[in-house]
């Protein structure tokens, strides 16, 4: 990959993780197209772009801004835009589930599709942000978020094998808990998702405080930013980058499903 005039398009750039990623690339002299509903401020290396990944026209307009400043194309695209959603699937409103799918899955696809020709010009790379939940067994009340990350994993596999025909590389990053507004607000998310009188009300009240402790265990976003930068620049990037995955959940995912189900049944009683 050329060391001159390198450029990267990053979605979800206005959040804690996205900001750290943008700063890491900018520190190495890359032109960073930092895209979000509320993008970060402009700097010498960071170009803020307002974008809604649920709107194809908005994504295309964002890429038109890239063309104006980087007509030779993109060296990398990092699809970080994501939305957390918790709650019992059996009671989850259609629009709530559709929203998280639209952002996490379809939003990823819209950005990749729109950026494809720009990336192809420079044999650029695609870096997809999944989650540890993308490979782990799905826990109660996390179904909506986990299903989207499982979908990103499958999407990434197909995309990687297709783009390999063009000499382009695709990596999937699987972060554990990192300090973001998402981890900070998870306790509130559980409270708002709990329906009074629901058969899951007591369980939601039990899971909420436990999930809220994630923020205290969360890691420095700079660690994840370095991994993403490595995926964009290493001559032989990995297919998957698991980073700071939770040991307990990882262990549970390696046990037989029937064993995990029995353990959870005992816990939930």
Protein backbone atom coordinates (compact mmCIF):
# COMPACT_ATOMS: atom_id res chain seq x y z
CA UNK A 1 0.00 0.00 0.00
CA UNK A 2 1.35 3.42 -0.94
CA UNK A 3 2.49 5.61 1.92
CA UNK A 4 1.48 8.80 0.07
CA UNK A 5 -1.94 10.49 0.12
CA UNK A 6 -3.62 7.68 2.00
CA UNK A 7 -7.29 8.09 2.87
CA UNK A 8 -9.85 6.24 4.98
CA UNK A 9 -13.62 6.55 5.36
CA UNK A 10 -14.85 5.86 8.91
CA UNK A 11 -18.52 5.63 9.91
CA UNK A 12 -19.60 6.04 13.50
CA UNK A 13 -16.79 8.58 13.76
CA UNK A 14 -18.57 10.79 16.27
CA UNK A 15 -18.61 8.17 19.04
CA UNK A 16 -15.84 7.34 21.47
CA UNK A 17 -14.47 4.41 19.51
CA UNK A 18 -14.86 6.15 16.17
CA UNK A 19 -13.08 9.25 17.41
CA UNK A 20 -10.16 7.16 18.66
CA UNK A 21 -9.92 5.41 15.29
CA UNK A 22 -9.98 8.69 13.37
CA UNK A 23 -7.26 10.15 15.57
CA UNK A 24 -5.07 7.07 15.12
CA UNK A 25 -5.19 7.27 11.32
CA UNK A 26 -4.77 11.06 11.38
CA UNK A 27 -1.66 10.72 13.55
CA UNK A 28 -0.05 8.76 10.70
CA UNK A 29 -0.87 11.40 8.10
CA UNK A 30 -3.94 9.78 6.57
CA UNK A 31 -6.80 11.91 5.30
CA UNK A 32 -9.71 10.73 7.44
CA UNK A 33 -13.27 11.14 6.20
CA UNK A 34 -15.02 11.05 9.58
CA UNK A 35 -18.68 10.26 8.93
CA UNK A 36 -21.53 10.29 11.43
CA UNK A 37 -24.86 11.93 12.21
CA UNK A 38 -22.76 14.33 14.30
CA UNK A 39 -19.18 14.01 13.01
CA UNK A 40 -16.16 15.17 15.01
CA UNK A 41 -14.62 18.63 14.42
CA UNK A 42 -12.35 19.21 11.45
CA UNK A 43 -8.57 19.16 11.82
CA UNK A 44 -5.73 19.25 9.31
CA UNK A 45 -6.23 15.52 8.65
CA UNK A 46 -9.88 14.94 9.64
CA UNK A 47 -12.68 15.85 7.23
CA UNK A 48 -16.08 15.73 9.00
CA UNK A 49 -18.93 14.38 6.90
CA UNK A 50 -22.54 14.27 8.06
CA UNK A 51 -24.15 10.98 7.09
CA UNK A 52 -27.11 8.79 8.00
CA UNK A 53 -26.20 5.17 7.22
CA UNK A 54 -29.91 4.24 7.13
CA UNK A 55 -30.38 6.52 4.11
CA UNK A 56 -28.83 5.46 0.79
CA UNK A 57 -29.00 9.00 -0.62
CA UNK A 58 -27.15 10.33 2.42
CA UNK A 59 -24.43 7.70 2.02
CA UNK A 60 -24.04 8.47 -1.69
CA UNK A 61 -23.80 12.19 -0.91
CA UNK A 62 -21.07 11.45 1.62
CA UNK A 63 -19.10 9.52 -0.98
CA UNK A 64 -19.49 12.43 -3.41
CA UNK A 65 -17.64 14.55 -0.84
CA UNK A 66 -14.89 11.93 -0.80
CA UNK A 67 -14.63 12.16 -4.59
CA UNK A 68 -14.19 15.91 -4.39
CA UNK A 69 -11.21 15.65 -2.04
CA UNK A 70 -9.80 12.23 -2.86
CA UNK A 71 -10.51 11.58 -6.55
CA UNK A 72 -7.93 8.79 -6.67
CA UNK A 73 -10.06 6.67 -4.33
CA UNK A 74 -9.88 5.25 -0.81
CA UNK A 75 -7.23 3.08 0.82
CA UNK A 76 -9.58 1.80 3.50
CA UNK A 77 -13.15 1.85 4.73
CA UNK A 78 -14.00 1.21 8.40
CA UNK A 79 -17.68 0.46 9.05
CA UNK A 80 -18.11 1.33 12.73
CA UNK A 81 -21.62 2.79 12.90
CA UNK A 82 -23.65 0.67 15.28
CA UNK A 83 -26.64 0.69 17.60
CA UNK A 84 -27.24 -1.24 20.83
CA UNK A 85 -30.63 -2.73 21.60
CA UNK A 86 -31.70 -4.87 24.56
CA UNK A 87 -34.92 -6.53 25.59
CA UNK A 88 -36.90 -9.75 25.30
CA UNK A 89 -37.34 -10.66 21.63
CA UNK A 90 -40.83 -12.06 22.21
CA UNK A 91 -42.01 -8.58 23.25
CA UNK A 92 -39.77 -6.35 21.15
CA UNK A 93 -41.67 -3.90 18.90
CA UNK A 94 -41.09 -4.34 15.18
CA UNK A 95 -39.74 -0.82 14.72
CA UNK A 96 -37.15 -1.25 17.47
CA UNK A 97 -35.80 -4.46 15.94
CA UNK A 98 -35.92 -3.00 12.44
CA UNK A 99 -33.94 0.04 13.60
CA UNK A 100 -31.00 -1.96 14.95
CA UNK A 101 -30.94 -4.18 11.84
CA UNK A 102 -31.11 -1.12 9.60
CA UNK A 103 -28.14 0.56 11.27
CA UNK A 104 -25.91 -2.42 12.08
CA UNK A 105 -26.47 -4.60 9.03
CA UNK A 106 -28.01 -2.58 6.22
CA UNK A 107 -25.99 0.49 7.23
CA UNK A 108 -22.81 -1.52 6.87
CA UNK A 109 -23.91 -2.75 3.46
CA UNK A 110 -24.90 0.71 2.20
CA UNK A 111 -21.49 2.14 3.07
CA UNK A 112 -19.56 -0.79 1.57
CA UNK A 113 -21.61 -0.72 -1.62
CA UNK A 114 -21.23 3.05 -2.01
CA UNK A 115 -17.51 2.92 -1.27
CA UNK A 116 -16.72 -0.09 -3.44
CA UNK A 117 -15.63 1.69 -6.63
CA UNK A 118 -13.60 4.21 -4.62
CA UNK A 119 -11.82 1.36 -2.86
CA UNK A 120 -11.29 -0.60 -6.06
CA UNK A 121 -9.30 2.29 -7.55
CA UNK A 122 -6.58 1.77 -4.92
CA UNK A 123 -7.17 -1.92 -4.13
CA UNK A 124 -8.32 -0.66 -0.74
CA UNK A 125 -9.38 -2.60 2.31
CA UNK A 126 -12.69 -3.06 4.10
CA UNK A 127 -12.70 -3.37 7.89
CA UNK A 128 -16.00 -4.43 9.43
CA UNK A 129 -16.72 -3.95 13.13
CA UNK A 130 -18.53 -6.95 14.52
CA UNK A 131 -18.43 -7.81 18.24
CA UNK A 132 -17.57 -10.66 20.53
CA UNK A 133 -21.31 -11.35 20.37
CA UNK A 134 -20.84 -12.04 16.67
CA UNK A 135 -19.24 -15.40 17.43
CA UNK A 136 -20.37 -16.14 20.98
CA UNK A 137 -23.57 -17.92 21.93
CA UNK A 138 -26.32 -15.32 22.33
CA UNK A 139 -27.38 -14.40 25.85
CA UNK A 140 -30.94 -13.54 26.96
CA UNK A 141 -32.13 -9.98 26.26
CA UNK A 142 -29.24 -9.37 23.84
CA UNK A 143 -30.81 -11.10 20.84
CA UNK A 144 -31.41 -8.04 18.66
CA UNK A 145 -27.85 -6.74 18.88
CA UNK A 146 -26.25 -10.20 18.69
CA UNK A 147 -28.22 -11.26 15.63
CA UNK A 148 -27.01 -8.19 13.75
CA UNK A 149 -23.40 -8.96 14.64
CA UNK A 150 -23.80 -12.59 13.56
CA UNK A 151 -25.11 -11.16 10.28
CA UNK A 152 -22.06 -8.89 9.96
CA UNK A 153 -19.83 -11.95 10.40
CA UNK A 154 -21.59 -13.78 7.57
CA UNK A 155 -21.64 -10.67 5.41
CA UNK A 156 -17.91 -10.23 5.98
CA UNK A 157 -17.12 -13.81 5.01
CA UNK A 158 -18.99 -13.53 1.72
CA UNK A 159 -17.55 -10.09 1.00
CA UNK A 160 -13.98 -11.21 1.74
CA UNK A 161 -14.24 -14.14 -0.66
CA UNK A 162 -15.76 -11.99 -3.38
CA UNK A 163 -13.27 -9.13 -3.10
CA UNK A 164 -10.34 -11.56 -2.95
CA UNK A 165 -10.95 -12.07 -6.67
CA UNK A 166 -10.01 -8.39 -7.09
CA UNK A 167 -7.00 -8.51 -4.78
CA UNK A 168 -8.87 -6.61 -2.06
CA UNK A 169 -8.78 -7.62 1.60
CA UNK A 170 -11.55 -7.68 4.20
CA UNK A 171 -11.04 -8.03 7.96
CA UNK A 172 -13.60 -8.44 10.73
CA UNK A 173 -12.85 -6.92 14.15
CA UNK A 174 -14.57 -8.53 17.17
CA UNK A 175 -14.29 -6.18 20.17
CA UNK A 176 -15.19 -7.07 23.72
CA UNK A 177 -16.30 -4.25 26.05
CA UNK A 178 -14.72 -0.86 25.33
CA UNK A 179 -15.56 2.46 26.95
CA UNK A 180 -18.29 4.12 24.90
CA UNK A 181 -21.63 5.82 25.45
CA UNK A 182 -23.10 2.43 24.55
CA UNK A 183 -21.57 0.63 27.54
CA UNK A 184 -22.27 3.60 29.81
CA UNK A 185 -25.98 3.64 28.97
CA UNK A 186 -26.71 -0.08 29.01
CA UNK A 187 -28.30 0.03 32.47
CA UNK A 188 -30.74 2.69 31.28
CA UNK A 189 -31.42 0.66 28.16
CA UNK A 190 -32.54 -2.29 30.28
CA UNK A 191 -34.84 -0.08 32.35
CA UNK A 192 -36.50 1.43 29.29
CA UNK A 193 -36.87 -2.00 27.66
CA UNK A 194 -38.58 -3.58 30.68
CA UNK A 195 -42.35 -3.76 30.30
CA UNK A 196 -44.39 -3.48 33.51
CA UNK A 197 -46.32 -6.69 34.09
CA UNK A 198 -44.23 -8.63 31.60
CA UNK A 199 -43.26 -12.22 32.51
CA UNK A 200 -39.68 -11.02 31.88
CA UNK A 201 -39.90 -8.00 34.20
CA UNK A 202 -38.03 -9.56 37.13
CA UNK A 203 -35.40 -11.08 34.88
CA UNK A 204 -34.83 -7.74 33.16
CA UNK A 205 -34.38 -6.08 36.55
CA UNK A 206 -31.83 -8.77 37.43
CA UNK A 207 -29.87 -8.56 34.16
CA UNK A 208 -29.83 -4.76 33.97
CA UNK A 209 -27.49 -4.05 36.91
CA UNK A 210 -25.23 -6.92 35.84
CA UNK A 211 -24.97 -5.56 32.32
CA UNK A 212 -24.34 -2.04 33.65
CA UNK A 213 -21.14 -3.30 35.28
CA UNK A 214 -19.71 -3.76 31.77
CA UNK A 215 -18.75 -0.10 31.65
CA UNK A 216 -16.50 -0.51 34.69
CA UNK A 217 -14.68 -3.40 32.96
CA UNK A 218 -14.49 -1.68 29.58
CA UNK A 219 -11.13 -1.07 27.91
CA UNK A 220 -9.39 1.98 26.47
CA UNK A 221 -10.65 2.80 22.93
CA UNK A 222 -7.04 3.47 21.88
CA UNK A 223 -6.39 -0.29 22.06
CA UNK A 224 -9.12 -1.00 19.53
CA UNK A 225 -8.01 1.90 17.34
CA UNK A 226 -4.53 0.39 17.07
CA UNK A 227 -5.94 -2.99 16.03
CA UNK A 228 -8.05 -1.37 13.31
CA UNK A 229 -5.04 0.62 12.09
CA UNK A 230 -3.00 -2.59 11.94
CA UNK A 231 -5.75 -4.28 9.92
CA UNK A 232 -5.62 -1.40 7.44
CA UNK A 233 -1.84 -1.35 7.06
CA UNK A 234 -0.44 -4.82 7.72
CA UNK A 235 0.83 -6.53 4.58
CA UNK A 236 -0.98 -9.70 5.66
CA UNK A 237 -4.01 -8.65 7.70
CA UNK A 238 -5.88 -11.25 9.70
CA UNK A 239 -9.33 -12.40 8.67
CA UNK A 240 -10.60 -11.80 12.21
CA UNK A 241 -9.29 -9.74 15.11
CA UNK A 242 -10.85 -10.75 18.46
CA UNK A 243 -9.84 -8.04 20.92
CA UNK A 244 -10.40 -8.06 24.69
CA UNK A 245 -13.26 -10.60 24.55
CA UNK A 246 -14.89 -11.35 27.89
CA UNK A 247 -13.33 -14.58 29.26
CA UNK A 248 -16.51 -15.88 30.91
CA UNK A 249 -18.73 -15.43 27.88
CA UNK A 250 -16.03 -16.84 25.64
CA UNK A 251 -15.76 -19.92 27.85
CA UNK A 252 -19.53 -20.42 27.84
CA UNK A 253 -19.53 -20.26 24.05
CA UNK A 254 -17.09 -23.18 23.90
CA UNK A 255 -19.27 -25.44 26.05
CA UNK A 256 -21.96 -27.71 24.55
CA UNK A 257 -25.18 -25.79 23.95
CA UNK A 258 -27.21 -28.08 26.21
CA UNK A 259 -24.81 -27.39 29.09
CA UNK A 260 -25.04 -23.62 28.63
CA UNK A 261 -28.83 -23.78 28.44
CA UNK A 262 -29.00 -25.71 31.72
CA UNK A 263 -26.66 -23.25 33.43
CA UNK A 264 -28.72 -20.31 32.26
CA UNK A 265 -31.99 -21.99 33.29
CA UNK A 266 -30.63 -22.43 36.82
CA UNK A 267 -29.39 -18.84 36.92
CA UNK A 268 -32.66 -17.40 35.65
CA UNK A 269 -34.71 -19.31 38.20
